[in-house]
Amino acid sequence: MTTPVETATAAACPRPRAAERPLDYDVVVAGGGPAGLMLAGELRAGGASVIVLERLAEIAPILKAGTLNRPSVEALYRRGLLPALRQAQNEEEWSVSFMSARRPDGTSARPRFAGHFAAIMLSDEMLDESDPGLAGLHPPDLVDLVHQRQVEALLAEHVADLGVEVRRGVEVTGFEEDAEGVTVATGREPIRCRWLVGCDGGRSTVRKLAGFDFPGTDPEITAYHAVADIAGMEDLDVGWHATATGVYVNDPPRRRITTIAFGGAPGDRDTPATAEELRASIRHVTGTDVTITGITSLTRFTDNARQATTYRRGRVLLAGDAAHVHSPFGGQGLNLSLGDAMNLGWKLAATVRGTAPDGLLDTYTAERHPLGAWVLDWTRAQIALMRPDPYARALREVVGDLARTVDGATYFAKKISGLWQRYDLPGDHRLVGASTPDYELADGSRLADHTHDGRALLLDPSGSLRDLSARYRDRLRTVTTASLDDNAPAALFVRPDGYVAWAGEPDQDALDQALRTWLGAPLSQEA
């Protein structure tokens, strides 16, 4: 496949053919947002050389997602970034206020952030604390209220510590793929790599140039999200509210307003949103005339919902918003993007190293595409409940009643938090395919403390699997300290992304099959 790439400007100095160019990097990542930075860190931890090309000169100051779900926090926790997440959360006054709130019974236990579904607020007081997914508080439960720009900042520092080069103010303008690699055009000197990954957002240049199919549904809404100084809103109710023409959320202490109006996409989606557009939308949705005296952040979005039919074409892959777009309700986009990166990173790094078993890279689409499809439907369902027609409003009342029950609130909260997410992996044990529990170990450490380097992990307290695990010592860390949890399996094999690939009683044959399935062939006896 050949796509547009810069042509030489001097016939007397012809550019070498793509396949003849020396390799600059194993992987070029187009896009330096959360997906691109997380992916770059995973690739570097896995031994691949990588460069990130980001169009923006600095992290965008505009307000985007503000919450992390459980799989996202676990992913960052497993790379040693939980302290940085806690610090970022503590820097936000509103999250500090939330975390210090007391429950009605006077206890000071941190409440859970339950979230909302289609602007129907969920109460943490209604959650079923006996539910296995919600019982107790673990280190990852102490973080969720972190803004996307903070996530980007800490990931930027993380990849810098790993030695990843991030070039800002540079974007992919074309590429040429051949049997040996990809030559990427940037408007400057081209870059030669083995693989190109598009993490360049919903309007991805990489996706379009590579010819990925991107089917989906057209938008029904135009929404505005602003941090602004606005006069004339004193009589508006605070919080989420449905009106005859749409939905709005008013948050005066943080100077925030969001309006959601039905009627399709805006006429011009490419130009930046303006104060006049925001004022007109507030008037349309709330019926209130306001005066806008200052804007700190203003974004316009729709519910355009689309997903690439595959996340890989040849040597080009997609992750994050480049692979799927949808409305941002619930912050699902940020979390889905981080999950993509965590899943793809170790697999592509193993492919670069030459240790990947056959078909490993294809499991990226197989495992992540269903989750992306679920998120699209989850956001579509919310749009349906926000519609201002009588049928949708009647259904909204019914769903609202369900959300105010213990079972209903627990169902929605678990879906939003990502506690249900798992992969369909081979194996009979109940943990296979699930995110590994963060067991406390006898030496005082936790299982996640042993995953910072990005290698796979084997928990083998009996030591009976040491001979087999030693043959994977270049990509597998073995922990022989016992778990303090009586429900922990006797032995546990965890993939680099933190998902359980095998568990049970020590069994050389079963473990050998699992290791070969996910880590490839072992080292030779002489190595």
Protein backbone atom coordinates (compact mmCIF):
# COMPACT_ATOMS: atom_id res chain seq x y z
CA MET A 1 0.00 0.00 0.00
CA THR A 2 1.34 3.43 -0.91
CA THR A 3 0.06 6.70 0.53
CA PRO A 4 1.11 10.32 -0.14
CA VAL A 5 4.62 11.13 0.89
CA GLU A 6 6.90 14.06 0.19
CA THR A 7 8.80 14.01 -3.08
CA ALA A 8 12.39 15.03 -3.52
CA THR A 9 12.89 18.65 -4.52
CA ALA A 10 16.29 18.23 -6.10
CA ALA A 11 16.62 15.79 -8.98
CA ALA A 12 20.39 15.91 -8.66
CA CYS A 13 20.15 14.45 -5.12
CA PRO A 14 17.49 11.74 -5.38
CA ARG A 15 16.12 10.37 -2.13
CA PRO A 16 16.98 6.72 -1.46
CA ARG A 17 14.16 4.28 -2.04
CA ALA A 18 12.15 3.65 1.13
CA ALA A 19 13.42 0.11 1.63
CA GLU A 20 17.02 1.32 1.30
CA ARG A 21 16.76 3.95 4.04
CA PRO A 22 18.34 3.04 7.37
CA LEU A 23 15.95 2.41 10.24
CA ASP A 24 15.47 5.40 12.55
CA TYR A 25 13.07 3.88 15.08
CA ASP A 26 11.20 0.66 15.59
CA VAL A 27 7.91 2.52 16.00
CA VAL A 28 6.61 5.97 15.15
CA VAL A 29 3.60 7.02 17.23
CA ALA A 30 1.53 9.76 15.63
CA GLY A 31 -0.11 11.75 18.41
CA GLY A 32 1.09 12.71 21.87
CA GLY A 33 -2.17 12.55 23.80
CA PRO A 34 -2.93 9.96 26.51
CA ALA A 35 -3.05 7.04 24.06
CA GLY A 36 0.17 7.99 22.28
CA LEU A 37 2.16 8.67 25.44
CA MET A 38 0.92 5.56 27.23
CA LEU A 39 1.72 3.45 24.18
CA ALA A 40 5.18 4.97 23.88
CA GLY A 41 5.93 4.10 27.49
CA GLU A 42 4.81 0.51 27.03
CA LEU A 43 6.83 0.12 23.84
CA ARG A 44 9.97 1.50 25.44
CA ALA A 45 9.52 -0.69 28.53
CA GLY A 46 9.25 -3.64 26.15
CA GLY A 47 12.57 -2.84 24.49
CA ALA A 48 11.40 -1.03 21.32
CA SER A 49 12.83 2.28 20.15
CA VAL A 50 10.04 4.78 19.68
CA ILE A 51 9.39 8.41 18.79
CA VAL A 52 6.18 10.37 19.36
CA LEU A 53 5.15 13.05 16.87
CA GLU A 54 2.63 15.55 18.23
CA ARG A 55 1.05 18.35 16.19
CA LEU A 56 0.49 20.65 19.18
CA ALA A 57 3.41 22.58 20.63
CA GLU A 58 2.18 21.98 24.19
CA ILE A 59 -0.51 20.13 26.10
CA ALA A 60 -3.88 21.67 25.27
CA PRO A 61 -5.24 23.67 28.24
CA ILE A 62 -8.88 23.05 27.32
CA LEU A 63 -11.02 21.02 29.65
CA LYS A 64 -11.65 17.42 28.61
CA ALA A 65 -12.29 14.21 30.56
CA GLY A 66 -12.11 14.49 34.36
CA THR A 67 -12.35 10.92 35.64
CA LEU A 68 -10.38 7.71 35.36
CA ASN A 69 -12.05 4.31 35.59
CA ARG A 70 -10.67 1.31 37.44
CA PRO A 71 -8.78 -0.31 34.50
CA SER A 72 -7.04 3.00 33.74
CA VAL A 73 -5.93 3.58 37.32
CA GLU A 74 -4.76 -0.03 37.55
CA ALA A 75 -2.71 0.37 34.37
CA LEU A 76 -0.96 3.47 35.70
CA TYR A 77 -0.59 1.89 39.14
CA ARG A 78 1.17 -1.10 37.61
CA ARG A 79 3.76 1.23 36.13
CA GLY A 80 4.47 2.95 39.44
CA LEU A 81 2.46 6.08 38.65
CA LEU A 82 -0.09 5.93 41.48
CA PRO A 83 1.75 8.50 43.65
CA ALA A 84 1.77 10.94 40.73
CA LEU A 85 -1.94 10.33 40.18
CA ARG A 86 -2.68 11.01 43.84
CA GLN A 87 -0.69 14.22 43.70
CA ALA A 88 -2.55 15.33 40.57
CA GLN A 89 -5.88 14.57 42.21
CA ASN A 90 -4.93 16.51 45.33
CA GLU A 91 -4.10 19.55 43.21
CA GLU A 92 -7.78 19.92 42.29
CA GLU A 93 -9.80 21.72 44.95
CA TRP A 94 -13.06 20.04 43.96
CA SER A 95 -11.63 16.52 44.26
CA VAL A 96 -10.07 17.32 47.64
CA SER A 97 -13.48 18.52 48.84
CA PHE A 98 -15.11 15.35 47.54
CA MET A 99 -12.57 13.03 49.13
CA SER A 100 -12.84 14.70 52.53
CA ALA A 101 -16.64 14.50 52.60
CA ARG A 102 -18.19 12.53 55.42
CA ARG A 103 -20.85 9.92 55.02
CA PRO A 104 -24.25 10.44 56.67
CA ASP A 105 -23.29 8.03 59.48
CA GLY A 106 -20.37 10.28 60.43
CA THR A 107 -17.59 8.04 59.15
CA SER A 108 -14.77 9.63 57.20
CA ALA A 109 -14.35 6.81 54.67
CA ARG A 110 -13.79 8.23 51.21
CA PRO A 111 -17.03 8.06 49.19
CA ARG A 112 -16.94 6.42 45.80
CA PHE A 113 -17.48 8.59 42.75
CA ALA A 114 -20.54 6.92 41.23
CA GLY A 115 -20.90 9.21 38.19
CA HIS A 116 -23.96 9.65 36.00
CA PHE A 117 -25.78 7.95 33.16
CA ALA A 118 -27.44 10.22 30.59
CA ALA A 119 -27.33 13.07 33.15
CA ILE A 120 -29.10 10.88 35.73
CA MET A 121 -26.89 11.22 38.78
CA LEU A 122 -25.91 8.11 40.72
CA SER A 123 -25.61 8.18 44.50
CA ASP A 124 -22.64 6.43 46.11
CA GLU A 125 -24.88 5.89 49.15
CA MET A 126 -27.02 3.51 47.07
CA LEU A 127 -24.15 1.23 46.05
CA ASP A 128 -24.16 -2.36 47.28
CA GLU A 129 -20.95 -2.52 49.29
CA SER A 130 -21.32 -6.30 49.58
CA ASP A 131 -20.83 -6.64 45.83
CA PRO A 132 -17.43 -8.36 45.27
CA GLY A 133 -16.38 -5.63 42.87
CA LEU A 134 -17.13 -2.86 45.34
CA ALA A 135 -16.24 -4.45 48.67
CA GLY A 136 -13.37 -2.75 50.47
CA LEU A 137 -10.98 -0.07 49.30
CA HIS A 138 -7.72 -0.88 47.52
CA PRO A 139 -4.93 1.47 46.39
CA PRO A 140 -6.44 2.04 42.90
CA ASP A 141 -9.79 2.97 44.49
CA LEU A 142 -8.22 6.06 46.04
CA VAL A 143 -7.86 7.80 42.68
CA ASP A 144 -10.38 8.61 39.97
CA LEU A 145 -10.87 12.41 39.83
CA VAL A 146 -7.95 13.36 37.59
CA HIS A 147 -8.24 15.60 34.53
CA GLN A 148 -6.99 14.50 31.13
CA ARG A 149 -4.43 17.30 30.93
CA GLN A 150 -2.98 16.08 34.24
CA VAL A 151 -2.81 12.53 32.90
CA GLU A 152 -1.01 13.80 29.81
CA ALA A 153 1.47 15.76 31.92
CA LEU A 154 2.40 12.83 34.16
CA LEU A 155 2.65 10.47 31.16
CA ALA A 156 4.91 12.98 29.40
CA GLU A 157 7.21 12.93 32.43
CA HIS A 158 7.01 9.14 32.57
CA VAL A 159 8.08 8.61 28.96
CA ALA A 160 10.83 11.22 29.33
CA ASP A 161 12.23 9.21 32.22
CA LEU A 162 12.20 6.15 29.95
CA GLY A 163 14.16 8.02 27.28
CA VAL A 164 11.33 8.40 24.75
CA GLU A 165 11.70 11.32 22.36
CA VAL A 166 8.56 13.43 21.92
CA ARG A 167 8.70 15.92 19.06
CA ARG A 168 6.07 18.62 19.46
CA GLY A 169 4.93 20.86 16.65
CA VAL A 170 5.43 17.98 14.21
CA GLU A 171 2.69 15.93 12.54
CA VAL A 172 2.45 13.05 10.11
CA THR A 173 1.55 14.29 6.63
CA GLY A 174 1.92 11.02 4.73
CA PHE A 175 3.70 7.70 4.65
CA GLU A 176 4.91 4.96 2.35
CA GLU A 177 4.74 1.33 3.45
CA ASP A 178 6.78 -1.55 2.06
CA ALA A 179 7.58 -5.10 3.08
CA GLU A 180 10.31 -4.03 5.51
CA GLY A 181 8.80 -0.99 7.18
CA VAL A 182 7.22 2.45 6.85
CA THR A 183 8.70 5.77 5.75
CA VAL A 184 6.83 8.60 7.48
CA ALA A 185 6.61 12.12 6.05
CA THR A 186 6.40 15.03 8.49
CA GLY A 187 7.06 18.13 6.42
CA ARG A 188 10.67 17.79 7.52
CA GLU A 189 13.15 14.96 7.09
CA PRO A 190 11.26 11.66 6.67
CA ILE A 191 11.48 9.04 9.42
CA ARG A 192 12.01 5.34 8.71
CA CYS A 193 10.42 2.83 11.11
CA ARG A 194 9.13 -0.74 11.26
CA TRP A 195 5.65 0.20 12.46
CA LEU A 196 3.41 3.27 12.47
CA VAL A 197 0.66 3.71 15.06
CA GLY A 198 -2.00 6.36 14.64
CA CYS A 199 -2.95 7.86 18.00
CA ASP A 200 -3.79 11.17 16.34
CA GLY A 201 -7.38 11.63 17.42
CA GLY A 202 -10.87 11.32 16.03
CA ARG A 203 -9.94 12.99 12.74
CA SER A 204 -6.85 10.83 12.41
CA THR A 205 -4.65 11.55 9.40
CA VAL A 206 -3.06 8.11 9.73
CA ARG A 207 -6.44 6.36 9.66
CA LYS A 208 -7.57 8.26 6.58
CA LEU A 209 -4.35 7.79 4.64
CA ALA A 210 -4.17 4.09 5.49
CA GLY A 211 -7.72 3.51 4.24
CA PHE A 212 -9.30 2.07 7.39
CA ASP A 213 -13.07 1.67 7.14
CA PHE A 214 -14.76 3.85 9.78
CA PRO A 215 -18.50 3.10 9.87
CA GLY A 216 -20.92 4.40 12.47
CA THR A 217 -23.80 6.74 13.20
CA ASP A 218 -24.15 10.45 12.44
CA PRO A 219 -24.49 12.98 15.27
CA GLU A 220 -27.79 14.08 16.79
CA ILE A 221 -26.43 16.73 19.14
CA THR A 222 -24.23 19.77 19.25
CA ALA A 223 -22.85 20.39 22.73
CA TYR A 224 -20.67 23.04 24.34
CA HIS A 225 -18.52 22.67 27.43
CA ALA A 226 -17.06 25.83 28.92
CA VAL A 227 -15.18 27.26 31.85
CA ALA A 228 -16.23 30.88 31.69
CA ASP A 229 -17.35 34.03 33.46
CA ILE A 230 -21.06 34.31 32.69
CA ALA A 231 -23.56 36.82 34.07
CA GLY A 232 -27.28 36.12 34.14
CA MET A 233 -27.26 32.49 35.26
CA GLU A 234 -28.16 33.11 38.88
CA ASP A 235 -31.63 31.61 38.51
CA LEU A 236 -30.48 28.43 36.76
CA ASP A 237 -30.62 25.26 38.85
CA VAL A 238 -27.27 23.70 39.73
CA GLY A 239 -26.35 20.27 38.38
CA TRP A 240 -27.71 18.19 35.49
CA HIS A 241 -31.17 19.10 34.19
CA ALA A 242 -33.31 18.11 31.20
CA THR A 243 -35.33 20.84 29.49
CA ALA A 244 -37.83 20.96 26.64
CA THR A 245 -35.00 21.54 24.16
CA GLY A 246 -32.07 19.57 25.55
CA VAL A 247 -29.95 19.04 28.64
CA TYR A 248 -27.58 21.26 30.60
CA VAL A 249 -25.28 21.01 33.60
CA ASN A 250 -24.54 24.11 35.64
CA ASP A 251 -21.56 24.19 38.02
CA PRO A 252 -21.15 27.77 39.33
CA PRO A 253 -18.34 27.10 41.88
CA ARG A 254 -16.09 25.86 39.07
CA ARG A 255 -17.46 28.35 36.49
CA ARG A 256 -18.57 25.46 34.26
CA ILE A 257 -21.52 25.13 31.95
CA THR A 258 -22.37 22.35 29.50
CA THR A 259 -25.26 22.54 27.04
CA ILE A 260 -26.57 19.71 24.88
CA ALA A 261 -28.94 20.59 22.04
CA PHE A 262 -30.52 18.20 19.55
CA GLY A 263 -30.70 18.93 15.85
CA GLY A 264 -27.54 17.40 14.42
CA ALA A 265 -23.97 18.57 13.99
CA PRO A 266 -23.00 22.24 13.64
CA GLY A 267 -22.74 23.66 10.15
CA ASP A 268 -18.98 24.18 10.45
CA ARG A 269 -17.22 21.62 12.62
CA ASP A 270 -13.71 22.75 11.74
CA THR A 271 -13.68 26.31 13.10
CA PRO A 272 -13.17 26.87 16.85
CA ALA A 273 -16.26 27.41 18.99
CA THR A 274 -17.06 31.04 19.85
CA ALA A 275 -18.55 32.89 22.79
CA GLU A 276 -21.56 33.80 20.65
CA GLU A 277 -22.21 30.12 19.89
CA LEU A 278 -22.05 29.32 23.60
CA ARG A 279 -24.42 32.19 24.47
CA ALA A 280 -26.91 31.09 21.80
CA SER A 281 -26.77 27.48 23.00
CA ILE A 282 -27.37 28.47 26.63
CA ARG A 283 -30.38 30.52 25.54
CA HIS A 284 -31.73 27.67 23.38
CA VAL A 285 -31.37 24.95 26.02
CA THR A 286 -32.17 26.90 29.20
CA GLY A 287 -34.26 29.82 27.93
CA THR A 288 -31.94 32.24 29.71
CA ASP A 289 -30.17 35.21 28.14
CA VAL A 290 -26.66 35.56 29.50
CA THR A 291 -23.63 37.78 29.07
CA ILE A 292 -20.22 36.13 28.66
CA THR A 293 -17.39 38.28 29.95
CA GLY A 294 -14.51 35.83 29.81
CA ILE A 295 -13.65 32.29 28.65
CA THR A 296 -10.95 30.08 30.09
CA SER A 297 -11.85 26.96 28.10
CA LEU A 298 -14.46 26.27 25.42
CA THR A 299 -15.01 23.08 23.45
CA ARG A 300 -17.73 21.97 21.07
CA PHE A 301 -18.55 18.30 20.55
CA THR A 302 -21.11 15.98 19.00
CA ASP A 303 -22.17 12.38 19.42
CA ASN A 304 -20.64 11.20 16.15
CA ALA A 305 -20.08 7.49 16.88
CA ARG A 306 -17.76 5.48 14.64
CA GLN A 307 -15.28 2.63 14.94
CA ALA A 308 -12.63 1.23 12.65
CA THR A 309 -13.55 -2.29 11.52
CA THR A 310 -10.02 -3.43 12.34
CA TYR A 311 -7.22 -1.76 14.30
CA ARG A 312 -4.46 -3.01 12.02
CA ARG A 313 -3.70 -2.82 8.31
CA GLY A 314 -0.26 -4.18 7.46
CA ARG A 315 2.36 -2.22 9.38
CA VAL A 316 -0.10 0.50 10.43
CA LEU A 317 -2.17 0.31 13.62
CA LEU A 318 -4.69 2.56 15.36
CA ALA A 319 -5.28 3.28 19.05
CA GLY A 320 -7.40 5.68 21.04
CA ASP A 321 -9.75 8.12 19.33
CA ALA A 322 -8.13 7.32 15.98
CA ALA A 323 -9.77 3.89 16.27
CA HIS A 324 -13.13 4.97 17.71
CA VAL A 325 -15.11 8.16 18.37
CA HIS A 326 -18.24 8.79 20.41
CA SER A 327 -19.79 11.36 22.72
CA PRO A 328 -17.63 12.09 25.78
CA PHE A 329 -20.28 11.44 28.44
CA GLY A 330 -18.70 9.59 31.34
CA GLY A 331 -15.11 10.15 30.21
CA GLN A 332 -15.11 6.80 28.40
CA GLY A 333 -12.85 8.03 25.59
CA LEU A 334 -9.84 8.71 27.80
CA ASN A 335 -10.19 5.37 29.55
CA LEU A 336 -10.75 3.41 26.36
CA SER A 337 -7.63 5.03 24.87
CA LEU A 338 -5.42 4.10 27.81
CA GLY A 339 -6.72 0.53 27.62
CA ASP A 340 -5.88 0.33 23.92
CA ALA A 341 -2.34 1.49 24.58
CA MET A 342 -1.81 -0.91 27.46
CA ASN A 343 -3.02 -3.84 25.37
CA LEU A 344 -1.09 -2.98 22.21
CA GLY A 345 2.21 -1.83 23.71
CA TRP A 346 3.65 -5.12 24.96
CA LYS A 347 2.41 -7.03 21.92
CA LEU A 348 4.00 -4.67 19.43
CA ALA A 349 7.21 -4.52 21.48
CA ALA A 350 7.41 -8.33 21.46
CA THR A 351 6.86 -8.28 17.70
CA VAL A 352 9.72 -5.80 17.30
CA ARG A 353 12.01 -7.95 19.50
CA GLY A 354 11.16 -11.05 17.50
CA THR A 355 9.85 -12.99 20.51
CA ALA A 356 6.12 -12.69 19.76
CA PRO A 357 4.29 -15.94 19.02
CA ASP A 358 2.41 -16.19 15.73
CA GLY A 359 -0.75 -14.12 15.71
CA LEU A 360 -0.03 -12.16 18.90
CA LEU A 361 -0.47 -8.76 17.23
CA ASP A 362 -3.83 -9.81 15.82
CA THR A 363 -5.16 -10.36 19.34
CA TYR A 364 -5.05 -6.57 19.79
CA THR A 365 -8.08 -6.03 17.55
CA ALA A 366 -9.74 -9.22 18.79
CA GLU A 367 -9.54 -8.10 22.44
CA ARG A 368 -10.05 -4.35 22.17
CA HIS A 369 -12.63 -4.02 19.37
CA PRO A 370 -15.51 -5.51 21.44
CA LEU A 371 -14.82 -3.05 24.27
CA GLY A 372 -14.81 -0.16 21.83
CA ALA A 373 -18.12 -1.33 20.36
CA TRP A 374 -19.60 -1.53 23.86
CA VAL A 375 -18.56 2.06 24.65
CA LEU A 376 -20.16 3.33 21.44
CA ASP A 377 -23.44 1.65 22.36
CA TRP A 378 -23.19 2.86 25.98
CA THR A 379 -22.90 6.46 24.79
CA ARG A 380 -25.63 6.02 22.16
CA ALA A 381 -27.99 4.79 24.88
CA GLN A 382 -27.32 7.96 26.86
CA ILE A 383 -28.10 10.16 23.87
CA ALA A 384 -31.38 8.30 23.38
CA LEU A 385 -32.36 9.05 27.01
CA MET A 386 -31.47 12.73 26.63
CA ARG A 387 -33.71 13.34 23.64
CA PRO A 388 -36.44 15.91 24.36
CA ASP A 389 -39.30 13.94 22.75
CA PRO A 390 -42.09 12.53 24.96
CA TYR A 391 -41.11 8.90 24.41
CA ALA A 392 -37.51 9.43 25.50
CA ARG A 393 -38.57 11.51 28.49
CA ALA A 394 -40.98 8.78 29.60
CA LEU A 395 -38.23 6.17 29.31
CA ARG A 396 -35.89 8.51 31.18
CA GLU A 397 -38.25 8.50 34.16
CA VAL A 398 -38.26 4.72 34.21
CA VAL A 399 -34.46 4.47 34.00
CA GLY A 400 -34.16 7.18 36.64
CA ASP A 401 -36.30 5.14 39.01
CA LEU A 402 -34.09 2.11 38.44
CA ALA A 403 -30.94 4.16 39.00
CA ARG A 404 -32.26 5.18 42.41
CA THR A 405 -32.39 1.56 43.60
CA VAL A 406 -29.46 -0.32 45.12
CA ASP A 407 -29.35 -2.85 42.29
CA GLY A 408 -29.72 -0.17 39.63
CA ALA A 409 -27.13 2.21 41.03
CA THR A 410 -24.68 -0.68 41.52
CA TYR A 411 -25.22 -1.87 37.94
CA PHE A 412 -24.58 1.56 36.42
CA ALA A 413 -21.62 2.33 38.70
CA LYS A 414 -19.90 -0.95 37.89
CA LYS A 415 -20.38 -0.41 34.16
CA ILE A 416 -19.02 3.14 34.35
CA SER A 417 -16.08 2.10 36.54
CA GLY A 418 -15.02 -0.66 34.14
CA LEU A 419 -15.06 -3.31 36.86
CA TRP A 420 -16.77 -5.73 34.48
CA GLN A 421 -14.12 -5.57 31.77
CA ARG A 422 -12.23 -8.74 30.90
CA TYR A 423 -10.85 -10.52 27.83
CA ASP A 424 -11.98 -13.83 26.37
CA LEU A 425 -8.78 -15.80 26.92
CA PRO A 426 -8.22 -19.58 26.85
CA GLY A 427 -8.42 -21.24 30.25
CA ASP A 428 -10.93 -22.52 32.79
CA HIS A 429 -9.92 -20.67 35.97
CA ARG A 430 -12.30 -17.89 37.04
CA LEU A 431 -9.47 -15.33 36.97
CA VAL A 432 -8.32 -16.01 33.41
CA GLY A 433 -9.08 -12.97 31.26
CA ALA A 434 -9.67 -10.71 34.25
CA SER A 435 -7.51 -7.92 35.60
CA THR A 436 -5.27 -9.53 38.18
CA PRO A 437 -6.20 -8.86 41.81
CA ASP A 438 -3.69 -6.69 43.64
CA TYR A 439 -2.79 -9.29 46.24
CA GLU A 440 -0.99 -8.24 49.38
CA LEU A 441 2.09 -10.43 49.80
CA ALA A 442 3.77 -11.83 52.89
CA ASP A 443 6.77 -9.51 52.57
CA GLY A 444 4.56 -6.40 52.79
CA SER A 445 4.58 -5.66 49.08
CA ARG A 446 1.62 -5.85 46.72
CA LEU A 447 1.52 -7.67 43.42
CA ALA A 448 1.46 -4.40 41.46
CA ASP A 449 4.78 -3.40 43.04
CA HIS A 450 6.43 -6.13 40.94
CA THR A 451 5.04 -4.98 37.58
CA HIS A 452 6.70 -1.58 37.16
CA ASP A 453 9.17 -2.74 34.52
CA GLY A 454 6.45 -3.93 32.13
CA ARG A 455 7.40 -7.61 32.10
CA ALA A 456 4.98 -10.50 32.52
CA LEU A 457 4.76 -11.90 36.04
CA LEU A 458 4.56 -15.35 37.56
CA LEU A 459 3.42 -15.75 41.16
CA ASP A 460 4.92 -19.08 42.27
CA PRO A 461 5.07 -19.30 46.08
CA SER A 462 5.87 -23.03 46.00
CA GLY A 463 8.87 -22.52 43.73
CA SER A 464 7.91 -25.66 41.82
CA LEU A 465 7.74 -23.79 38.49
CA ARG A 466 11.15 -22.13 38.74
CA ASP A 467 12.88 -24.25 36.09
CA LEU A 468 10.28 -23.40 33.46
CA SER A 469 10.05 -19.72 34.38
CA ALA A 470 13.85 -19.39 34.23
CA ARG A 471 13.68 -20.06 30.48
CA TYR A 472 11.61 -16.86 30.13
CA ARG A 473 13.71 -14.73 32.44
CA ASP A 474 14.24 -12.09 29.74
CA ARG A 475 10.50 -11.27 29.68
CA LEU A 476 9.07 -12.81 32.86
CA ARG A 477 9.49 -11.78 36.49
CA THR A 478 8.95 -14.55 39.05
CA VAL A 479 7.69 -13.76 42.55
CA THR A 480 7.91 -16.56 45.13
CA THR A 481 6.46 -14.67 48.08
CA ALA A 482 3.09 -16.03 49.20
CA SER A 483 -0.12 -14.05 48.99
CA LEU A 484 -1.97 -13.21 52.19
CA ASP A 485 -5.30 -13.72 50.45
CA ASP A 486 -6.75 -17.15 51.18
CA ASN A 487 -8.65 -16.99 47.87
CA ALA A 488 -5.52 -16.47 45.76
CA PRO A 489 -4.65 -19.35 43.42
CA ALA A 490 -1.59 -21.47 44.15
CA ALA A 491 0.13 -20.07 41.06
CA LEU A 492 -0.67 -17.18 38.71
CA PHE A 493 0.68 -16.04 35.32
CA VAL A 494 -0.04 -12.40 34.46
CA ARG A 495 0.51 -10.83 31.04
CA PRO A 496 2.48 -7.55 30.82
CA ASP A 497 -0.80 -5.60 30.62
CA GLY A 498 -1.93 -6.97 33.98
CA TYR A 499 -4.49 -9.53 32.78
CA VAL A 500 -4.44 -13.10 34.04
CA ALA A 501 -3.40 -15.61 31.37
CA TRP A 502 -3.25 -18.72 33.56
CA ALA A 503 -4.00 -19.65 37.17
CA GLY A 504 -4.36 -22.77 39.25
CA GLU A 505 -2.36 -25.45 40.98
CA PRO A 506 1.30 -25.64 39.85
CA ASP A 507 1.26 -27.49 36.53
CA GLN A 508 4.32 -27.45 34.28
CA ASP A 509 2.47 -28.47 31.14
CA ALA A 510 -0.39 -26.00 31.56
CA LEU A 511 1.96 -23.14 32.34
CA ASP A 512 4.26 -24.06 29.46
CA GLN A 513 1.33 -23.81 27.05
CA ALA A 514 0.25 -20.45 28.46
CA LEU A 515 3.78 -19.05 28.31
CA ARG A 516 4.20 -20.14 24.70
CA THR A 517 0.79 -18.71 23.80
CA TRP A 518 1.57 -15.23 25.12
CA LEU A 519 5.36 -14.94 25.37
CA GLY A 520 6.52 -17.16 22.50
CA ALA A 521 9.32 -19.68 22.51
CA PRO A 522 11.55 -19.90 25.60
CA LEU A 523 15.26 -19.17 25.66
CA SER A 524 17.45 -22.03 24.58
CA GLN A 525 18.96 -24.16 27.31
CA GLU A 526 22.37 -22.65 26.55
CA ALA A 527 21.20 -19.02 26.77
